[in-house]
Amino acid sequence: MLLKKEMTTQEIDYFIKDKSDFVKIDLLGRLLSEHLPNTTRKFVFLKLGEIYERVSMFSDSASSYEKAIGLSTSKGENKNLLIKAAQLFIRAGDFNRAEGLIRNAISDANNFEKKDIYDGIKKYYIYVAETNEKLRRLGEAVKLYEKVSTMELSDSEKKQVKEKLMFLYNKLGKIREYMLLKNG
């Protein structure tokens, strides 16, 4: 039995709950080819985003959340989906797409929310960089710290990012970059 376009979101959720993640992805993907009501379509995109994230397919997850944004009915939900998709694009290493989504989230926000979004994204970049560092993905960590170094940082944050970059450059044998940062 396959998913049918007449099913409610609860029925869809119940039908796929015992399936493996990749079977869920296949079933939900097939369902999207049907003409669905917007609420069901949004539910399917959100469910796909959640599953893709769980199996570390971050770019696909971000794309699913991005598609759900167009079906969102409230500004608050729209902003949260923009930020979630941006975070997933950061994890996927697609900083350009993440920045576009962040700009969209900030454009609809007031000044307090703008600072809050920007600070949250900056912290998320650092979190992902530290995670990559712990997992010994040093090249990925360097890309993330280099990205953070281009953002608005306090003096202590600049110093911390510079020290992390110098450490990683040295560890990766990037002596030229290490020396430029040390002397610059």
C-alpha atoms as a PDB file:
ATOM      1  CA  MET A   1       0.000   0.000   0.000  1.00  0.00           C
ATOM      2  CA  LEU A   2       1.243   3.473  -0.863  1.00  0.00           C
ATOM      3  CA  LEU A   3       0.453   6.862   0.541  1.00  0.00           C
ATOM      4  CA  LYS A   4      -2.581   8.495  -1.032  1.00  0.00           C
ATOM      5  CA  LYS A   5      -3.203  12.171  -1.603  1.00  0.00           C
ATOM      6  CA  GLU A   6      -6.526  11.920   0.276  1.00  0.00           C
ATOM      7  CA  MET A   7      -4.770  10.928   3.517  1.00  0.00           C
ATOM      8  CA  THR A   8      -4.578  13.386   6.408  1.00  0.00           C
ATOM      9  CA  THR A   9      -1.249  14.352   7.927  1.00  0.00           C
ATOM     10  CA  GLN A  10      -1.995  12.113  10.933  1.00  0.00           C
ATOM     11  CA  GLU A  11      -2.715   9.159   8.635  1.00  0.00           C
ATOM     12  CA  ILE A  12       0.496   9.808   6.695  1.00  0.00           C
ATOM     13  CA  ASP A  13       2.488   9.998   9.920  1.00  0.00           C
ATOM     14  CA  TYR A  14       0.912   6.772  11.225  1.00  0.00           C
ATOM     15  CA  PHE A  15       1.490   4.956   7.926  1.00  0.00           C
ATOM     16  CA  ILE A  16       5.227   5.758   7.776  1.00  0.00           C
ATOM     17  CA  LYS A  17       6.091   5.517  11.485  1.00  0.00           C
ATOM     18  CA  ASP A  18       7.364   1.914  11.362  1.00  0.00           C
ATOM     19  CA  LYS A  19       9.246   2.276   8.080  1.00  0.00           C
ATOM     20  CA  SER A  20      12.985   2.791   7.723  1.00  0.00           C
ATOM     21  CA  ASP A  21      14.219   6.316   7.009  1.00  0.00           C
ATOM     22  CA  PHE A  22      15.012   5.626   3.359  1.00  0.00           C
ATOM     23  CA  VAL A  23      11.637   3.974   2.752  1.00  0.00           C
ATOM     24  CA  LYS A  24      10.006   7.044   4.348  1.00  0.00           C
ATOM     25  CA  ILE A  25      11.989   9.295   2.012  1.00  0.00           C
ATOM     26  CA  ASP A  26      10.843   7.263  -1.000  1.00  0.00           C
ATOM     27  CA  LEU A  27       7.180   7.195   0.054  1.00  0.00           C
ATOM     28  CA  LEU A  28       7.055  10.895   0.908  1.00  0.00           C
ATOM     29  CA  GLY A  29       8.882  11.815  -2.292  1.00  0.00           C
ATOM     30  CA  ARG A  30       6.333   9.878  -4.354  1.00  0.00           C
ATOM     31  CA  LEU A  31       3.497  11.572  -2.487  1.00  0.00           C
ATOM     32  CA  LEU A  32       4.871  14.987  -3.454  1.00  0.00           C
ATOM     33  CA  SER A  33       4.286  14.153  -7.116  1.00  0.00           C
ATOM     34  CA  GLU A  34       0.549  14.177  -6.347  1.00  0.00           C
ATOM     35  CA  HIS A  35      -1.594  17.305  -6.242  1.00  0.00           C
ATOM     36  CA  LEU A  36      -1.753  17.869  -2.478  1.00  0.00           C
ATOM     37  CA  PRO A  37      -3.395  20.521  -0.317  1.00  0.00           C
ATOM     38  CA  ASN A  38      -0.844  23.092   0.911  1.00  0.00           C
ATOM     39  CA  THR A  39      -1.055  21.937   4.538  1.00  0.00           C
ATOM     40  CA  THR A  40      -0.302  18.338   3.543  1.00  0.00           C
ATOM     41  CA  ARG A  41       2.455  19.426   1.159  1.00  0.00           C
ATOM     42  CA  LYS A  42       4.057  21.517   3.923  1.00  0.00           C
ATOM     43  CA  PHE A  43       3.788  18.582   6.353  1.00  0.00           C
ATOM     44  CA  VAL A  44       5.529  16.288   3.841  1.00  0.00           C
ATOM     45  CA  PHE A  45       8.356  18.788   3.257  1.00  0.00           C
ATOM     46  CA  LEU A  46       8.848  19.230   7.014  1.00  0.00           C
ATOM     47  CA  LYS A  47       8.822  15.469   7.567  1.00  0.00           C
ATOM     48  CA  LEU A  48      11.334  14.981   4.739  1.00  0.00           C
ATOM     49  CA  GLY A  49      13.548  17.716   6.212  1.00  0.00           C
ATOM     50  CA  GLU A  50      13.490  15.991   9.581  1.00  0.00           C
ATOM     51  CA  ILE A  51      14.344  12.582   8.094  1.00  0.00           C
ATOM     52  CA  TYR A  52      17.101  13.919   5.822  1.00  0.00           C
ATOM     53  CA  GLU A  53      18.676  15.684   8.810  1.00  0.00           C
ATOM     54  CA  ARG A  54      18.551  12.478  10.862  1.00  0.00           C
ATOM     55  CA  VAL A  55      20.476  10.595   8.126  1.00  0.00           C
ATOM     56  CA  SER A  56      22.986  13.476   7.746  1.00  0.00           C
ATOM     57  CA  MET A  57      21.774  14.529   4.291  1.00  0.00           C
ATOM     58  CA  PHE A  58      21.962  18.181   5.292  1.00  0.00           C
ATOM     59  CA  SER A  59      21.656  19.797   1.877  1.00  0.00           C
ATOM     60  CA  ASP A  60      18.519  17.788   1.043  1.00  0.00           C
ATOM     61  CA  SER A  61      17.124  18.551   4.481  1.00  0.00           C
ATOM     62  CA  ALA A  62      17.718  22.278   4.024  1.00  0.00           C
ATOM     63  CA  SER A  63      16.085  22.168   0.590  1.00  0.00           C
ATOM     64  CA  SER A  64      13.011  20.477   2.071  1.00  0.00           C
ATOM     65  CA  TYR A  65      12.708  23.139   4.770  1.00  0.00           C
ATOM     66  CA  GLU A  66      13.265  25.802   2.119  1.00  0.00           C
ATOM     67  CA  LYS A  67      10.328  24.434   0.103  1.00  0.00           C
ATOM     68  CA  ALA A  68       8.142  24.446   3.221  1.00  0.00           C
ATOM     69  CA  ILE A  69       8.848  28.179   3.654  1.00  0.00           C
ATOM     70  CA  GLY A  70       6.700  29.046   0.647  1.00  0.00           C
ATOM     71  CA  LEU A  71       3.802  27.140   2.197  1.00  0.00           C
ATOM     72  CA  SER A  72       4.138  28.738   5.624  1.00  0.00           C
ATOM     73  CA  THR A  73       1.244  30.924   6.730  1.00  0.00           C
ATOM     74  CA  SER A  74       2.770  32.875   9.618  1.00  0.00           C
ATOM     75  CA  LYS A  75       5.744  35.233   9.741  1.00  0.00           C
ATOM     76  CA  GLY A  76       7.110  33.574  12.873  1.00  0.00           C
ATOM     77  CA  GLU A  77       7.040  30.104  11.364  1.00  0.00           C
ATOM     78  CA  ASN A  78       8.513  31.475   8.138  1.00  0.00           C
ATOM     79  CA  LYS A  79      11.427  33.041  10.052  1.00  0.00           C
ATOM     80  CA  ASN A  80      12.049  29.819  12.009  1.00  0.00           C
ATOM     81  CA  LEU A  81      12.060  27.764   8.811  1.00  0.00           C
ATOM     82  CA  LEU A  82      14.470  30.211   7.156  1.00  0.00           C
ATOM     83  CA  ILE A  83      16.860  29.916  10.106  1.00  0.00           C
ATOM     84  CA  LYS A  84      16.543  26.110  10.237  1.00  0.00           C
ATOM     85  CA  ALA A  85      17.263  25.815   6.502  1.00  0.00           C
ATOM     86  CA  ALA A  86      20.232  28.206   6.853  1.00  0.00           C
ATOM     87  CA  GLN A  87      21.669  26.134   9.697  1.00  0.00           C
ATOM     88  CA  LEU A  88      21.383  22.988   7.616  1.00  0.00           C
ATOM     89  CA  PHE A  89      23.074  24.641   4.639  1.00  0.00           C
ATOM     90  CA  ILE A  90      25.875  25.670   7.028  1.00  0.00           C
ATOM     91  CA  ARG A  91      26.260  22.034   8.096  1.00  0.00           C
ATOM     92  CA  ALA A  92      26.294  21.058   4.410  1.00  0.00           C
ATOM     93  CA  GLY A  93      29.039  23.637   3.755  1.00  0.00           C
ATOM     94  CA  ASP A  94      26.890  25.737   1.402  1.00  0.00           C
ATOM     95  CA  PHE A  95      27.531  29.128   2.983  1.00  0.00           C
ATOM     96  CA  ASN A  96      26.170  31.148   0.041  1.00  0.00           C
ATOM     97  CA  ARG A  97      22.723  29.582   0.234  1.00  0.00           C
ATOM     98  CA  ALA A  98      22.779  29.914   4.028  1.00  0.00           C
ATOM     99  CA  GLU A  99      23.584  33.627   3.744  1.00  0.00           C
ATOM    100  CA  GLY A 100      20.709  34.185   1.325  1.00  0.00           C
ATOM    101  CA  LEU A 101      18.275  32.599   3.758  1.00  0.00           C
ATOM    102  CA  ILE A 102      19.710  34.564   6.672  1.00  0.00           C
ATOM    103  CA  ARG A 103      19.257  37.790   4.704  1.00  0.00           C
ATOM    104  CA  ASN A 104      15.624  36.847   4.092  1.00  0.00           C
ATOM    105  CA  ALA A 105      15.061  36.098   7.782  1.00  0.00           C
ATOM    106  CA  ILE A 106      16.685  39.377   8.815  1.00  0.00           C
ATOM    107  CA  SER A 107      14.738  41.430   6.248  1.00  0.00           C
ATOM    108  CA  ASP A 108      11.445  40.608   7.976  1.00  0.00           C
ATOM    109  CA  ALA A 109      12.755  41.166  11.512  1.00  0.00           C
ATOM    110  CA  ASN A 110      12.888  44.186  13.790  1.00  0.00           C
ATOM    111  CA  ASN A 111      16.258  45.483  15.065  1.00  0.00           C
ATOM    112  CA  PHE A 112      16.246  43.320  18.202  1.00  0.00           C
ATOM    113  CA  GLU A 113      15.387  40.207  16.205  1.00  0.00           C
ATOM    114  CA  LYS A 114      18.036  41.039  13.577  1.00  0.00           C
ATOM    115  CA  LYS A 115      20.778  41.077  16.209  1.00  0.00           C
ATOM    116  CA  ASP A 116      19.381  37.934  17.803  1.00  0.00           C
ATOM    117  CA  ILE A 117      19.313  36.073  14.449  1.00  0.00           C
ATOM    118  CA  TYR A 118      22.823  37.256  13.514  1.00  0.00           C
ATOM    119  CA  ASP A 119      24.276  36.285  16.906  1.00  0.00           C
ATOM    120  CA  GLY A 120      22.523  32.909  16.789  1.00  0.00           C
ATOM    121  CA  ILE A 121      23.891  32.152  13.330  1.00  0.00           C
ATOM    122  CA  LYS A 122      27.391  33.245  14.360  1.00  0.00           C
ATOM    123  CA  LYS A 123      27.216  30.898  17.377  1.00  0.00           C
ATOM    124  CA  TYR A 124      25.939  28.128  15.127  1.00  0.00           C
ATOM    125  CA  TYR A 125      28.913  28.520  12.758  1.00  0.00           C
ATOM    126  CA  ILE A 126      31.247  28.236  15.767  1.00  0.00           C
ATOM    127  CA  TYR A 127      29.328  25.222  17.118  1.00  0.00           C
ATOM    128  CA  VAL A 128      29.576  23.389  13.782  1.00  0.00           C
ATOM    129  CA  ALA A 129      33.277  24.310  13.498  1.00  0.00           C
ATOM    130  CA  GLU A 130      33.963  22.944  16.989  1.00  0.00           C
ATOM    131  CA  THR A 131      32.006  19.774  16.184  1.00  0.00           C
ATOM    132  CA  ASN A 132      34.049  19.258  13.012  1.00  0.00           C
ATOM    133  CA  GLU A 133      37.218  19.865  14.988  1.00  0.00           C
ATOM    134  CA  LYS A 134      36.236  17.179  17.526  1.00  0.00           C
ATOM    135  CA  LEU A 135      35.434  14.774  14.696  1.00  0.00           C
ATOM    136  CA  ARG A 136      38.870  15.465  13.192  1.00  0.00           C
ATOM    137  CA  ARG A 137      37.414  17.141  10.119  1.00  0.00           C
ATOM    138  CA  LEU A 138      39.986  19.877  10.394  1.00  0.00           C
ATOM    139  CA  GLY A 139      39.654  21.154   6.818  1.00  0.00           C
ATOM    140  CA  GLU A 140      35.912  21.675   7.325  1.00  0.00           C
ATOM    141  CA  ALA A 141      36.564  23.358  10.665  1.00  0.00           C
ATOM    142  CA  VAL A 142      39.002  25.759   8.961  1.00  0.00           C
ATOM    143  CA  LYS A 143      36.387  26.737   6.346  1.00  0.00           C
ATOM    144  CA  LEU A 144      33.862  27.455   9.081  1.00  0.00           C
ATOM    145  CA  TYR A 145      36.294  29.481  11.207  1.00  0.00           C
ATOM    146  CA  GLU A 146      37.388  31.409   8.110  1.00  0.00           C
ATOM    147  CA  LYS A 147      33.732  32.225   7.469  1.00  0.00           C
ATOM    148  CA  VAL A 148      33.247  33.316  11.087  1.00  0.00           C
ATOM    149  CA  SER A 149      36.323  35.548  10.830  1.00  0.00           C
ATOM    150  CA  THR A 150      34.517  37.601   8.140  1.00  0.00           C
ATOM    151  CA  MET A 151      31.568  38.281  10.447  1.00  0.00           C
ATOM    152  CA  GLU A 152      31.126  41.081  12.968  1.00  0.00           C
ATOM    153  CA  LEU A 153      33.000  39.871  16.049  1.00  0.00           C
ATOM    154  CA  SER A 154      33.871  41.300  19.435  1.00  0.00           C
ATOM    155  CA  ASP A 155      37.581  41.634  20.251  1.00  0.00           C
ATOM    156  CA  SER A 156      37.533  38.486  22.384  1.00  0.00           C
ATOM    157  CA  GLU A 157      35.740  36.546  19.623  1.00  0.00           C
ATOM    158  CA  LYS A 158      38.267  37.781  17.043  1.00  0.00           C
ATOM    159  CA  LYS A 159      41.106  36.618  19.276  1.00  0.00           C
ATOM    160  CA  GLN A 160      39.483  33.228  19.860  1.00  0.00           C
ATOM    161  CA  VAL A 161      38.816  32.650  16.137  1.00  0.00           C
ATOM    162  CA  LYS A 162      42.353  33.773  15.235  1.00  0.00           C
ATOM    163  CA  GLU A 163      43.849  31.352  17.777  1.00  0.00           C
ATOM    164  CA  LYS A 164      41.679  28.495  16.486  1.00  0.00           C
ATOM    165  CA  LEU A 165      42.665  29.229  12.882  1.00  0.00           C
ATOM    166  CA  MET A 166      46.366  29.459  13.748  1.00  0.00           C
ATOM    167  CA  PHE A 167      46.151  26.139  15.623  1.00  0.00           C
ATOM    168  CA  LEU A 168      44.342  24.434  12.738  1.00  0.00           C
ATOM    169  CA  TYR A 169      46.613  25.931  10.061  1.00  0.00           C
ATOM    170  CA  ASN A 170      49.627  24.661  11.993  1.00  0.00           C
ATOM    171  CA  LYS A 171      48.047  21.232  12.477  1.00  0.00           C
ATOM    172  CA  LEU A 172      47.203  20.978   8.759  1.00  0.00           C
ATOM    173  CA  GLY A 173      50.675  22.139   7.701  1.00  0.00           C
ATOM    174  CA  LYS A 174      49.388  25.367   6.158  1.00  0.00           C
ATOM    175  CA  ILE A 175      52.458  27.321   7.205  1.00  0.00           C
ATOM    176  CA  ARG A 176      51.890  30.261   4.822  1.00  0.00           C
ATOM    177  CA  GLU A 177      48.344  30.859   6.168  1.00  0.00           C
ATOM    178  CA  TYR A 178      49.627  30.388   9.731  1.00  0.00           C
ATOM    179  CA  MET A 179      52.379  32.968   9.250  1.00  0.00           C
ATOM    180  CA  LEU A 180      50.066  35.471   7.514  1.00  0.00           C
ATOM    181  CA  LEU A 181      47.620  35.263  10.391  1.00  0.00           C
ATOM    182  CA  LYS A 182      50.351  35.396  13.024  1.00  0.00           C
ATOM    183  CA  ASN A 183      52.025  38.455  11.483  1.00  0.00           C
ATOM    184  CA  GLY A 184      48.791  40.122  10.286  1.00  0.00           C
END
